[in-house]
mmCIF file of all heavy atoms, coordinates in Angstrom:
data_MODEL
# 
_entry.id   MODEL 
# 
loop_
_atom_site.group_PDB 
_atom_site.id 
_atom_site.type_symbol 
_atom_site.label_atom_id 
_atom_site.label_alt_id 
_atom_site.label_comp_id 
_atom_site.label_asym_id 
_atom_site.label_entity_id 
_atom_site.label_seq_id 
_atom_site.pdbx_PDB_ins_code 
_atom_site.Cartn_x 
_atom_site.Cartn_y 
_atom_site.Cartn_z 
_atom_site.occupancy 
_atom_site.B_iso_or_equiv 
_atom_site.pdbx_formal_charge 
_atom_site.auth_seq_id 
_atom_site.auth_comp_id 
_atom_site.auth_asym_id 
_atom_site.auth_atom_id 
_atom_site.pdbx_PDB_model_num 
ATOM 1   N N   . HIS A 1 1  ? 189.811 96.905  49.087 1.00 0.00 ? 1  HIS A N   1 
ATOM 2   C CA  . HIS A 1 1  ? 189.330 95.522  48.785 1.00 0.00 ? 1  HIS A CA  1 
ATOM 3   C C   . HIS A 1 1  ? 188.896 94.904  50.111 1.00 0.00 ? 1  HIS A C   1 
ATOM 4   O O   . HIS A 1 1  ? 187.832 94.216  50.132 1.00 0.00 ? 1  HIS A O   1 
ATOM 5   C CB  . HIS A 1 1  ? 190.403 94.781  48.079 1.00 0.00 ? 1  HIS A CB  1 
ATOM 6   C CG  . HIS A 1 1  ? 189.978 93.347  47.669 1.00 0.00 ? 1  HIS A CG  1 
ATOM 7   N ND1 . HIS A 1 1  ? 190.110 92.291  48.546 1.00 0.00 ? 1  HIS A ND1 1 
ATOM 8   C CD2 . HIS A 1 1  ? 189.430 92.892  46.531 1.00 0.00 ? 1  HIS A CD2 1 
ATOM 9   C CE1 . HIS A 1 1  ? 189.732 91.208  47.961 1.00 0.00 ? 1  HIS A CE1 1 
ATOM 10  N NE2 . HIS A 1 1  ? 189.245 91.473  46.752 1.00 0.00 ? 1  HIS A NE2 1 
ATOM 11  N N   . GLU A 1 2  ? 189.748 95.041  51.089 1.00 0.00 ? 2  GLU A N   1 
ATOM 12  C CA  . GLU A 1 2  ? 189.354 94.415  52.376 1.00 0.00 ? 2  GLU A CA  1 
ATOM 13  C C   . GLU A 1 2  ? 188.118 94.997  52.992 1.00 0.00 ? 2  GLU A C   1 
ATOM 14  O O   . GLU A 1 2  ? 187.213 94.219  53.406 1.00 0.00 ? 2  GLU A O   1 
ATOM 15  C CB  . GLU A 1 2  ? 190.572 94.592  53.366 1.00 0.00 ? 2  GLU A CB  1 
ATOM 16  C CG  . GLU A 1 2  ? 190.332 93.981  54.761 1.00 0.00 ? 2  GLU A CG  1 
ATOM 17  C CD  . GLU A 1 2  ? 190.267 92.519  54.746 1.00 0.00 ? 2  GLU A CD  1 
ATOM 18  O OE1 . GLU A 1 2  ? 190.790 91.852  53.809 1.00 0.00 ? 2  GLU A OE1 1 
ATOM 19  O OE2 . GLU A 1 2  ? 189.700 91.968  55.659 1.00 0.00 ? 2  GLU A OE2 1 
ATOM 20  N N   . ILE A 1 3  ? 187.935 96.284  52.878 1.00 0.00 ? 3  ILE A N   1 
ATOM 21  C CA  . ILE A 1 3  ? 186.719 96.946  53.387 1.00 0.00 ? 3  ILE A CA  1 
ATOM 22  C C   . ILE A 1 3  ? 185.569 96.473  52.601 1.00 0.00 ? 3  ILE A C   1 
ATOM 23  O O   . ILE A 1 3  ? 184.494 96.161  53.168 1.00 0.00 ? 3  ILE A O   1 
ATOM 24  C CB  . ILE A 1 3  ? 186.902 98.476  53.357 1.00 0.00 ? 3  ILE A CB  1 
ATOM 25  C CG1 . ILE A 1 3  ? 187.865 98.937  54.407 1.00 0.00 ? 3  ILE A CG1 1 
ATOM 26  C CG2 . ILE A 1 3  ? 185.592 99.181  53.525 1.00 0.00 ? 3  ILE A CG2 1 
ATOM 27  C CD1 . ILE A 1 3  ? 188.325 100.404 54.266 1.00 0.00 ? 3  ILE A CD1 1 
ATOM 28  N N   . MET A 1 4  ? 185.614 96.506  51.302 1.00 0.00 ? 4  MET A N   1 
ATOM 29  C CA  . MET A 1 4  ? 184.504 96.202  50.451 1.00 0.00 ? 4  MET A CA  1 
ATOM 30  C C   . MET A 1 4  ? 184.048 94.750  50.639 1.00 0.00 ? 4  MET A C   1 
ATOM 31  O O   . MET A 1 4  ? 182.860 94.436  50.645 1.00 0.00 ? 4  MET A O   1 
ATOM 32  C CB  . MET A 1 4  ? 184.793 96.453  48.980 1.00 0.00 ? 4  MET A CB  1 
ATOM 33  C CG  . MET A 1 4  ? 183.613 96.708  48.115 1.00 0.00 ? 4  MET A CG  1 
ATOM 34  S SD  . MET A 1 4  ? 182.706 98.193  48.526 1.00 0.00 ? 4  MET A SD  1 
ATOM 35  C CE  . MET A 1 4  ? 181.057 97.530  48.735 1.00 0.00 ? 4  MET A CE  1 
ATOM 36  N N   . THR A 1 5  ? 185.017 93.831  50.770 1.00 0.00 ? 5  THR A N   1 
ATOM 37  C CA  . THR A 1 5  ? 184.717 92.415  50.946 1.00 0.00 ? 5  THR A CA  1 
ATOM 38  C C   . THR A 1 5  ? 183.945 92.258  52.199 1.00 0.00 ? 5  THR A C   1 
ATOM 39  O O   . THR A 1 5  ? 182.942 91.448  52.268 1.00 0.00 ? 5  THR A O   1 
ATOM 40  C CB  . THR A 1 5  ? 185.998 91.620  50.962 1.00 0.00 ? 5  THR A CB  1 
ATOM 41  O OG1 . THR A 1 5  ? 186.658 91.764  49.705 1.00 0.00 ? 5  THR A OG1 1 
ATOM 42  C CG2 . THR A 1 5  ? 185.671 90.097  51.195 1.00 0.00 ? 5  THR A CG2 1 
ATOM 43  N N   . SER A 1 6  ? 184.317 92.922  53.262 1.00 0.00 ? 6  SER A N   1 
ATOM 44  C CA  . SER A 1 6  ? 183.676 92.751  54.615 1.00 0.00 ? 6  SER A CA  1 
ATOM 45  C C   . SER A 1 6  ? 182.265 93.319  54.564 1.00 0.00 ? 6  SER A C   1 
ATOM 46  O O   . SER A 1 6  ? 181.275 92.625  55.065 1.00 0.00 ? 6  SER A O   1 
ATOM 47  C CB  . SER A 1 6  ? 184.513 93.351  55.734 1.00 0.00 ? 6  SER A CB  1 
ATOM 48  O OG  . SER A 1 6  ? 184.524 94.784  55.554 1.00 0.00 ? 6  SER A OG  1 
ATOM 49  N N   . LEU A 1 7  ? 182.076 94.447  53.888 1.00 0.00 ? 7  LEU A N   1 
ATOM 50  C CA  . LEU A 1 7  ? 180.752 95.039  53.719 1.00 0.00 ? 7  LEU A CA  1 
ATOM 51  C C   . LEU A 1 7  ? 179.822 94.134  52.939 1.00 0.00 ? 7  LEU A C   1 
ATOM 52  O O   . LEU A 1 7  ? 178.615 93.923  53.330 1.00 0.00 ? 7  LEU A O   1 
ATOM 53  C CB  . LEU A 1 7  ? 180.862 96.466  53.118 1.00 0.00 ? 7  LEU A CB  1 
ATOM 54  C CG  . LEU A 1 7  ? 181.566 97.527  53.922 1.00 0.00 ? 7  LEU A CG  1 
ATOM 55  C CD1 . LEU A 1 7  ? 181.755 98.739  53.075 1.00 0.00 ? 7  LEU A CD1 1 
ATOM 56  C CD2 . LEU A 1 7  ? 180.742 97.865  55.178 1.00 0.00 ? 7  LEU A CD2 1 
ATOM 57  N N   . MET A 1 8  ? 180.332 93.581  51.902 1.00 0.00 ? 8  MET A N   1 
ATOM 58  C CA  . MET A 1 8  ? 179.529 92.748  50.964 1.00 0.00 ? 8  MET A CA  1 
ATOM 59  C C   . MET A 1 8  ? 179.082 91.463  51.769 1.00 0.00 ? 8  MET A C   1 
ATOM 60  O O   . MET A 1 8  ? 177.912 91.109  51.730 1.00 0.00 ? 8  MET A O   1 
ATOM 61  C CB  . MET A 1 8  ? 180.333 92.219  49.819 1.00 0.00 ? 8  MET A CB  1 
ATOM 62  C CG  . MET A 1 8  ? 180.670 93.293  48.759 1.00 0.00 ? 8  MET A CG  1 
ATOM 63  S SD  . MET A 1 8  ? 181.782 92.653  47.521 1.00 0.00 ? 8  MET A SD  1 
ATOM 64  C CE  . MET A 1 8  ? 180.981 91.244  46.959 1.00 0.00 ? 8  MET A CE  1 
ATOM 65  N N   . GLU A 1 9  ? 179.966 90.857  52.404 1.00 0.00 ? 9  GLU A N   1 
ATOM 66  C CA  . GLU A 1 9  ? 179.715 89.656  53.227 1.00 0.00 ? 9  GLU A CA  1 
ATOM 67  C C   . GLU A 1 9  ? 178.609 89.918  54.242 1.00 0.00 ? 9  GLU A C   1 
ATOM 68  O O   . GLU A 1 9  ? 177.722 89.115  54.595 1.00 0.00 ? 9  GLU A O   1 
ATOM 69  C CB  . GLU A 1 9  ? 180.869 89.018  53.769 1.00 0.00 ? 9  GLU A CB  1 
ATOM 70  C CG  . GLU A 1 9  ? 181.884 88.430  52.776 1.00 0.00 ? 9  GLU A CG  1 
ATOM 71  C CD  . GLU A 1 9  ? 183.133 87.903  53.353 1.00 0.00 ? 9  GLU A CD  1 
ATOM 72  O OE1 . GLU A 1 9  ? 183.282 88.017  54.603 1.00 0.00 ? 9  GLU A OE1 1 
ATOM 73  O OE2 . GLU A 1 9  ? 183.889 87.250  52.604 1.00 0.00 ? 9  GLU A OE2 1 
ATOM 74  N N   . TYR A 1 10 ? 178.745 91.059  54.925 1.00 0.00 ? 10 TYR A N   1 
ATOM 75  C CA  . TYR A 1 10 ? 177.749 91.481  56.020 1.00 0.00 ? 10 TYR A CA  1 
ATOM 76  C C   . TYR A 1 10 ? 176.429 91.655  55.375 1.00 0.00 ? 10 TYR A C   1 
ATOM 77  O O   . TYR A 1 10 ? 175.387 91.209  55.908 1.00 0.00 ? 10 TYR A O   1 
ATOM 78  C CB  . TYR A 1 10 ? 178.295 92.701  56.765 1.00 0.00 ? 10 TYR A CB  1 
ATOM 79  C CG  . TYR A 1 10 ? 177.521 92.904  57.989 1.00 0.00 ? 10 TYR A CG  1 
ATOM 80  C CD1 . TYR A 1 10 ? 177.923 92.289  59.238 1.00 0.00 ? 10 TYR A CD1 1 
ATOM 81  C CD2 . TYR A 1 10 ? 176.428 93.792  58.042 1.00 0.00 ? 10 TYR A CD2 1 
ATOM 82  C CE1 . TYR A 1 10 ? 177.290 92.504  60.365 1.00 0.00 ? 10 TYR A CE1 1 
ATOM 83  C CE2 . TYR A 1 10 ? 175.762 93.965  59.255 1.00 0.00 ? 10 TYR A CE2 1 
ATOM 84  C CZ  . TYR A 1 10 ? 176.179 93.340  60.394 1.00 0.00 ? 10 TYR A CZ  1 
ATOM 85  O OH  . TYR A 1 10 ? 175.510 93.559  61.598 1.00 0.00 ? 10 TYR A OH  1 
ATOM 86  N N   . ILE A 1 11 ? 176.332 92.336  54.237 1.00 0.00 ? 11 ILE A N   1 
ATOM 87  C CA  . ILE A 1 11 ? 175.105 92.693  53.657 1.00 0.00 ? 11 ILE A CA  1 
ATOM 88  C C   . ILE A 1 11 ? 174.350 91.446  53.166 1.00 0.00 ? 11 ILE A C   1 
ATOM 89  O O   . ILE A 1 11 ? 173.110 91.372  53.190 1.00 0.00 ? 11 ILE A O   1 
ATOM 90  C CB  . ILE A 1 11 ? 175.282 93.700  52.435 1.00 0.00 ? 11 ILE A CB  1 
ATOM 91  C CG1 . ILE A 1 11 ? 175.494 95.062  53.026 1.00 0.00 ? 11 ILE A CG1 1 
ATOM 92  C CG2 . ILE A 1 11 ? 174.062 93.733  51.486 1.00 0.00 ? 11 ILE A CG2 1 
ATOM 93  C CD1 . ILE A 1 11 ? 175.921 96.161  52.047 1.00 0.00 ? 11 ILE A CD1 1 
ATOM 94  N N   . CYS A 1 12 ? 175.118 90.474  52.688 1.00 0.00 ? 12 CYS A N   1 
ATOM 95  C CA  . CYS A 1 12 ? 174.515 89.233  52.297 1.00 0.00 ? 12 CYS A CA  1 
ATOM 96  C C   . CYS A 1 12 ? 173.686 88.526  53.382 1.00 0.00 ? 12 CYS A C   1 
ATOM 97  O O   . CYS A 1 12 ? 172.866 87.685  53.106 1.00 0.00 ? 12 CYS A O   1 
ATOM 98  C CB  . CYS A 1 12 ? 175.596 88.261  51.786 1.00 0.00 ? 12 CYS A CB  1 
ATOM 99  S SG  . CYS A 1 12 ? 176.251 88.666  50.200 1.00 0.00 ? 12 CYS A SG  1 
ATOM 100 N N   . LYS A 1 13 ? 173.928 88.848  54.691 1.00 0.00 ? 13 LYS A N   1 
ATOM 101 C CA  . LYS A 1 13 ? 173.155 88.273  55.748 1.00 0.00 ? 13 LYS A CA  1 
ATOM 102 C C   . LYS A 1 13 ? 171.874 89.080  56.155 1.00 0.00 ? 13 LYS A C   1 
ATOM 103 O O   . LYS A 1 13 ? 171.126 88.637  56.982 1.00 0.00 ? 13 LYS A O   1 
ATOM 104 C CB  . LYS A 1 13 ? 174.133 88.226  56.989 1.00 0.00 ? 13 LYS A CB  1 
ATOM 105 C CG  . LYS A 1 13 ? 175.441 87.475  56.790 1.00 0.00 ? 13 LYS A CG  1 
ATOM 106 C CD  . LYS A 1 13 ? 176.349 87.653  57.960 1.00 0.00 ? 13 LYS A CD  1 
ATOM 107 C CE  . LYS A 1 13 ? 177.711 87.028  57.703 1.00 0.00 ? 13 LYS A CE  1 
ATOM 108 N NZ  . LYS A 1 13 ? 178.654 87.290  58.801 1.00 0.00 ? 13 LYS A NZ  1 
ATOM 109 N N   . LEU A 1 14 ? 171.733 90.193  55.473 1.00 0.00 ? 14 LEU A N   1 
ATOM 110 C CA  . LEU A 1 14 ? 170.598 91.052  55.786 1.00 0.00 ? 14 LEU A CA  1 
ATOM 111 C C   . LEU A 1 14 ? 169.357 90.752  54.923 1.00 0.00 ? 14 LEU A C   1 
ATOM 112 O O   . LEU A 1 14 ? 169.431 90.985  53.739 1.00 0.00 ? 14 LEU A O   1 
ATOM 113 C CB  . LEU A 1 14 ? 171.039 92.572  55.723 1.00 0.00 ? 14 LEU A CB  1 
ATOM 114 C CG  . LEU A 1 14 ? 172.248 92.996  56.478 1.00 0.00 ? 14 LEU A CG  1 
ATOM 115 C CD1 . LEU A 1 14 ? 172.667 94.430  56.171 1.00 0.00 ? 14 LEU A CD1 1 
ATOM 116 C CD2 . LEU A 1 14 ? 171.977 92.802  57.966 1.00 0.00 ? 14 LEU A CD2 1 
ATOM 117 N N   . ASP A 1 15 ? 168.261 90.400  55.549 1.00 0.00 ? 15 ASP A N   1 
ATOM 118 C CA  . ASP A 1 15 ? 167.131 89.995  54.827 1.00 0.00 ? 15 ASP A CA  1 
ATOM 119 C C   . ASP A 1 15 ? 166.424 91.166  54.085 1.00 0.00 ? 15 ASP A C   1 
ATOM 120 O O   . ASP A 1 15 ? 165.746 90.939  53.041 1.00 0.00 ? 15 ASP A O   1 
ATOM 121 C CB  . ASP A 1 15 ? 166.082 89.263  55.805 1.00 0.00 ? 15 ASP A CB  1 
ATOM 122 C CG  . ASP A 1 15 ? 166.584 87.952  56.336 1.00 0.00 ? 15 ASP A CG  1 
ATOM 123 O OD1 . ASP A 1 15 ? 167.534 87.379  55.686 1.00 0.00 ? 15 ASP A OD1 1 
ATOM 124 O OD2 . ASP A 1 15 ? 166.142 87.611  57.451 1.00 0.00 ? 15 ASP A OD2 1 
ATOM 125 N N   . ASN A 1 16 ? 166.525 92.341  54.659 1.00 0.00 ? 16 ASN A N   1 
ATOM 126 C CA  . ASN A 1 16 ? 165.754 93.432  54.054 1.00 0.00 ? 16 ASN A CA  1 
ATOM 127 C C   . ASN A 1 16 ? 166.440 94.145  52.973 1.00 0.00 ? 16 ASN A C   1 
ATOM 128 O O   . ASN A 1 16 ? 165.914 95.124  52.407 1.00 0.00 ? 16 ASN A O   1 
ATOM 129 C CB  . ASN A 1 16 ? 165.499 94.505  55.204 1.00 0.00 ? 16 ASN A CB  1 
ATOM 130 C CG  . ASN A 1 16 ? 164.429 93.991  56.187 1.00 0.00 ? 16 ASN A CG  1 
ATOM 131 O OD1 . ASN A 1 16 ? 163.661 93.110  55.880 1.00 0.00 ? 16 ASN A OD1 1 
ATOM 132 N ND2 . ASN A 1 16 ? 164.364 94.604  57.378 1.00 0.00 ? 16 ASN A ND2 1 
ATOM 133 N N   . VAL A 1 17 ? 167.675 93.778  52.665 1.00 0.00 ? 17 VAL A N   1 
ATOM 134 C CA  . VAL A 1 17 ? 168.555 94.446  51.651 1.00 0.00 ? 17 VAL A CA  1 
ATOM 135 C C   . VAL A 1 17 ? 168.569 93.682  50.322 1.00 0.00 ? 17 VAL A C   1 
ATOM 136 O O   . VAL A 1 17 ? 168.982 92.557  50.335 1.00 0.00 ? 17 VAL A O   1 
ATOM 137 C CB  . VAL A 1 17 ? 169.978 94.738  52.089 1.00 0.00 ? 17 VAL A CB  1 
ATOM 138 C CG1 . VAL A 1 17 ? 170.748 95.468  51.034 1.00 0.00 ? 17 VAL A CG1 1 
ATOM 139 C CG2 . VAL A 1 17 ? 169.884 95.605  53.360 1.00 0.00 ? 17 VAL A CG2 1 
ATOM 140 N N   . THR A 1 18 ? 167.990 94.273  49.307 1.00 0.00 ? 18 THR A N   1 
ATOM 141 C CA  . THR A 1 18 ? 168.020 93.661  47.920 1.00 0.00 ? 18 THR A CA  1 
ATOM 142 C C   . THR A 1 18 ? 169.049 94.409  47.043 1.00 0.00 ? 18 THR A C   1 
ATOM 143 O O   . THR A 1 18 ? 169.003 95.656  46.975 1.00 0.00 ? 18 THR A O   1 
ATOM 144 C CB  . THR A 1 18 ? 166.706 93.752  47.284 1.00 0.00 ? 18 THR A CB  1 
ATOM 145 O OG1 . THR A 1 18 ? 165.701 93.069  48.105 1.00 0.00 ? 18 THR A OG1 1 
ATOM 146 C CG2 . THR A 1 18 ? 166.700 93.127  45.886 1.00 0.00 ? 18 THR A CG2 1 
ATOM 147 N N   . VAL A 1 19 ? 169.954 93.652  46.411 1.00 0.00 ? 19 VAL A N   1 
ATOM 148 C CA  . VAL A 1 19 ? 170.948 94.225  45.519 1.00 0.00 ? 19 VAL A CA  1 
ATOM 149 C C   . VAL A 1 19 ? 170.565 94.006  44.115 1.00 0.00 ? 19 VAL A C   1 
ATOM 150 O O   . VAL A 1 19 ? 170.336 92.814  43.705 1.00 0.00 ? 19 VAL A O   1 
ATOM 151 C CB  . VAL A 1 19 ? 172.323 93.769  45.851 1.00 0.00 ? 19 VAL A CB  1 
ATOM 152 C CG1 . VAL A 1 19 ? 173.350 94.305  44.890 1.00 0.00 ? 19 VAL A CG1 1 
ATOM 153 C CG2 . VAL A 1 19 ? 172.719 94.029  47.234 1.00 0.00 ? 19 VAL A CG2 1 
ATOM 154 N N   . LEU A 1 20 ? 170.315 95.056  43.303 1.00 0.00 ? 20 LEU A N   1 
ATOM 155 C CA  . LEU A 1 20 ? 170.220 94.885  41.804 1.00 0.00 ? 20 LEU A CA  1 
ATOM 156 C C   . LEU A 1 20 ? 171.437 95.298  41.137 1.00 0.00 ? 20 LEU A C   1 
ATOM 157 O O   . LEU A 1 20 ? 171.890 96.406  41.300 1.00 0.00 ? 20 LEU A O   1 
ATOM 158 C CB  . LEU A 1 20 ? 169.028 95.817  41.402 1.00 0.00 ? 20 LEU A CB  1 
ATOM 159 C CG  . LEU A 1 20 ? 167.623 95.523  41.992 1.00 0.00 ? 20 LEU A CG  1 
ATOM 160 C CD1 . LEU A 1 20 ? 166.623 96.535  41.458 1.00 0.00 ? 20 LEU A CD1 1 
ATOM 161 C CD2 . LEU A 1 20 ? 167.181 94.170  41.804 1.00 0.00 ? 20 LEU A CD2 1 
ATOM 162 N N   . GLU A 1 21 ? 171.909 94.414  40.305 1.00 0.00 ? 21 GLU A N   1 
ATOM 163 C CA  . GLU A 1 21 ? 173.164 94.685  39.552 1.00 0.00 ? 21 GLU A CA  1 
ATOM 164 C C   . GLU A 1 21 ? 172.901 94.986  38.114 1.00 0.00 ? 21 GLU A C   1 
ATOM 165 O O   . GLU A 1 21 ? 171.826 94.664  37.583 1.00 0.00 ? 21 GLU A O   1 
ATOM 166 C CB  . GLU A 1 21 ? 174.125 93.441  39.662 1.00 0.00 ? 21 GLU A CB  1 
ATOM 167 C CG  . GLU A 1 21 ? 174.613 93.165  41.088 1.00 0.00 ? 21 GLU A CG  1 
ATOM 168 C CD  . GLU A 1 21 ? 175.536 92.002  41.156 1.00 0.00 ? 21 GLU A CD  1 
ATOM 169 O OE1 . GLU A 1 21 ? 175.244 90.954  40.377 1.00 0.00 ? 21 GLU A OE1 1 
ATOM 170 O OE2 . GLU A 1 21 ? 176.488 92.050  41.942 1.00 0.00 ? 21 GLU A OE2 1 
ATOM 171 N N   . ASP A 1 22 ? 173.851 95.642  37.441 1.00 0.00 ? 22 ASP A N   1 
ATOM 172 C CA  . ASP A 1 22 ? 173.748 96.003  36.028 1.00 0.00 ? 22 ASP A CA  1 
ATOM 173 C C   . ASP A 1 22 ? 172.535 96.827  35.694 1.00 0.00 ? 22 ASP A C   1 
ATOM 174 O O   . ASP A 1 22 ? 171.787 96.557  34.641 1.00 0.00 ? 22 ASP A O   1 
ATOM 175 C CB  . ASP A 1 22 ? 173.744 94.710  35.151 1.00 0.00 ? 22 ASP A CB  1 
ATOM 176 C CG  . ASP A 1 22 ? 175.081 94.027  35.181 1.00 0.00 ? 22 ASP A CG  1 
ATOM 177 O OD1 . ASP A 1 22 ? 176.193 94.736  35.138 1.00 0.00 ? 22 ASP A OD1 1 
ATOM 178 O OD2 . ASP A 1 22 ? 175.094 92.748  35.290 1.00 0.00 ? 22 ASP A OD2 1 
ATOM 179 N N   . VAL A 1 23 ? 172.259 97.701  36.567 1.00 0.00 ? 23 VAL A N   1 
ATOM 180 C CA  . VAL A 1 23 ? 171.098 98.700  36.315 1.00 0.00 ? 23 VAL A CA  1 
ATOM 181 C C   . VAL A 1 23 ? 171.651 100.133 36.545 1.00 0.00 ? 23 VAL A C   1 
ATOM 182 O O   . VAL A 1 23 ? 172.385 100.377 37.469 1.00 0.00 ? 23 VAL A O   1 
ATOM 183 C CB  . VAL A 1 23 ? 169.897 98.479  37.242 1.00 0.00 ? 23 VAL A CB  1 
ATOM 184 C CG1 . VAL A 1 23 ? 169.190 97.171  36.951 1.00 0.00 ? 23 VAL A CG1 1 
ATOM 185 C CG2 . VAL A 1 23 ? 170.258 98.515  38.729 1.00 0.00 ? 23 VAL A CG2 1 
ATOM 186 N N   . MET A 1 24 ? 171.328 101.025 35.561 1.00 0.00 ? 24 MET A N   1 
ATOM 187 C CA  . MET A 1 24 ? 171.871 102.357 35.620 1.00 0.00 ? 24 MET A CA  1 
ATOM 188 C C   . MET A 1 24 ? 170.839 103.356 35.804 1.00 0.00 ? 24 MET A C   1 
ATOM 189 O O   . MET A 1 24 ? 169.821 103.448 35.044 1.00 0.00 ? 24 MET A O   1 
ATOM 190 C CB  . MET A 1 24 ? 172.621 102.588 34.266 1.00 0.00 ? 24 MET A CB  1 
ATOM 191 C CG  . MET A 1 24 ? 173.084 104.050 34.124 1.00 0.00 ? 24 MET A CG  1 
ATOM 192 S SD  . MET A 1 24 ? 173.777 104.283 32.418 1.00 0.00 ? 24 MET A SD  1 
ATOM 193 C CE  . MET A 1 24 ? 174.047 106.007 32.398 1.00 0.00 ? 24 MET A CE  1 
ATOM 194 N N   . ALA A 1 25 ? 170.929 104.195 36.854 1.00 0.00 ? 25 ALA A N   1 
ATOM 195 C CA  . ALA A 1 25 ? 169.944 105.268 37.021 1.00 0.00 ? 25 ALA A CA  1 
ATOM 196 C C   . ALA A 1 25 ? 170.142 106.344 36.023 1.00 0.00 ? 25 ALA A C   1 
ATOM 197 O O   . ALA A 1 25 ? 171.304 106.788 35.738 1.00 0.00 ? 25 ALA A O   1 
ATOM 198 C CB  . ALA A 1 25 ? 170.156 105.915 38.444 1.00 0.00 ? 25 ALA A CB  1 
ATOM 199 N N   . ILE A 1 26 ? 169.088 106.750 35.337 1.00 0.00 ? 26 ILE A N   1 
ATOM 200 C CA  . ILE A 1 26 ? 169.208 107.739 34.329 1.00 0.00 ? 26 ILE A CA  1 
ATOM 201 C C   . ILE A 1 26 ? 168.446 109.033 34.586 1.00 0.00 ? 26 ILE A C   1 
ATOM 202 O O   . ILE A 1 26 ? 168.687 110.117 33.980 1.00 0.00 ? 26 ILE A O   1 
ATOM 203 C CB  . ILE A 1 26 ? 168.792 107.193 32.895 1.00 0.00 ? 26 ILE A CB  1 
ATOM 204 C CG1 . ILE A 1 26 ? 167.349 106.649 32.956 1.00 0.00 ? 26 ILE A CG1 1 
ATOM 205 C CG2 . ILE A 1 26 ? 169.692 106.111 32.458 1.00 0.00 ? 26 ILE A CG2 1 
ATOM 206 C CD1 . ILE A 1 26 ? 166.838 106.106 31.653 1.00 0.00 ? 26 ILE A CD1 1 
ATOM 207 N N   . LYS A 1 27 ? 167.542 108.957 35.598 1.00 0.00 ? 27 LYS A N   1 
ATOM 208 C CA  . LYS A 1 27 ? 166.748 110.157 35.956 1.00 0.00 ? 27 LYS A CA  1 
ATOM 209 C C   . LYS A 1 27 ? 166.129 110.028 37.299 1.00 0.00 ? 27 LYS A C   1 
ATOM 210 O O   . LYS A 1 27 ? 165.613 108.894 37.605 1.00 0.00 ? 27 LYS A O   1 
ATOM 211 C CB  . LYS A 1 27 ? 165.668 110.478 34.963 1.00 0.00 ? 27 LYS A CB  1 
ATOM 212 C CG  . LYS A 1 27 ? 164.861 111.691 35.311 1.00 0.00 ? 27 LYS A CG  1 
ATOM 213 C CD  . LYS A 1 27 ? 163.854 112.013 34.102 1.00 0.00 ? 27 LYS A CD  1 
ATOM 214 C CE  . LYS A 1 27 ? 162.916 113.150 34.504 1.00 0.00 ? 27 LYS A CE  1 
ATOM 215 N NZ  . LYS A 1 27 ? 163.655 114.432 34.744 1.00 0.00 ? 27 LYS A NZ  1 
ATOM 216 N N   . LEU A 1 28 ? 166.223 111.029 38.184 1.00 0.00 ? 28 LEU A N   1 
ATOM 217 C CA  . LEU A 1 28 ? 165.542 110.969 39.454 1.00 0.00 ? 28 LEU A CA  1 
ATOM 218 C C   . LEU A 1 28 ? 164.114 111.279 39.199 1.00 0.00 ? 28 LEU A C   1 
ATOM 219 O O   . LEU A 1 28 ? 163.741 112.073 38.333 1.00 0.00 ? 28 LEU A O   1 
ATOM 220 C CB  . LEU A 1 28 ? 166.191 111.966 40.427 1.00 0.00 ? 28 LEU A CB  1 
ATOM 221 C CG  . LEU A 1 28 ? 167.677 111.772 40.846 1.00 0.00 ? 28 LEU A CG  1 
ATOM 222 C CD1 . LEU A 1 28 ? 168.141 112.848 41.674 1.00 0.00 ? 28 LEU A CD1 1 
ATOM 223 C CD2 . LEU A 1 28 ? 167.745 110.495 41.591 1.00 0.00 ? 28 LEU A CD2 1 
# 
């Protein structure tokens, strides 16, 4: 939990990273 929280907070500061939630990959 500590590791994930720190990674999330850091990523929130990155302009080039977009996070899409509630999407499931079904085929490459």
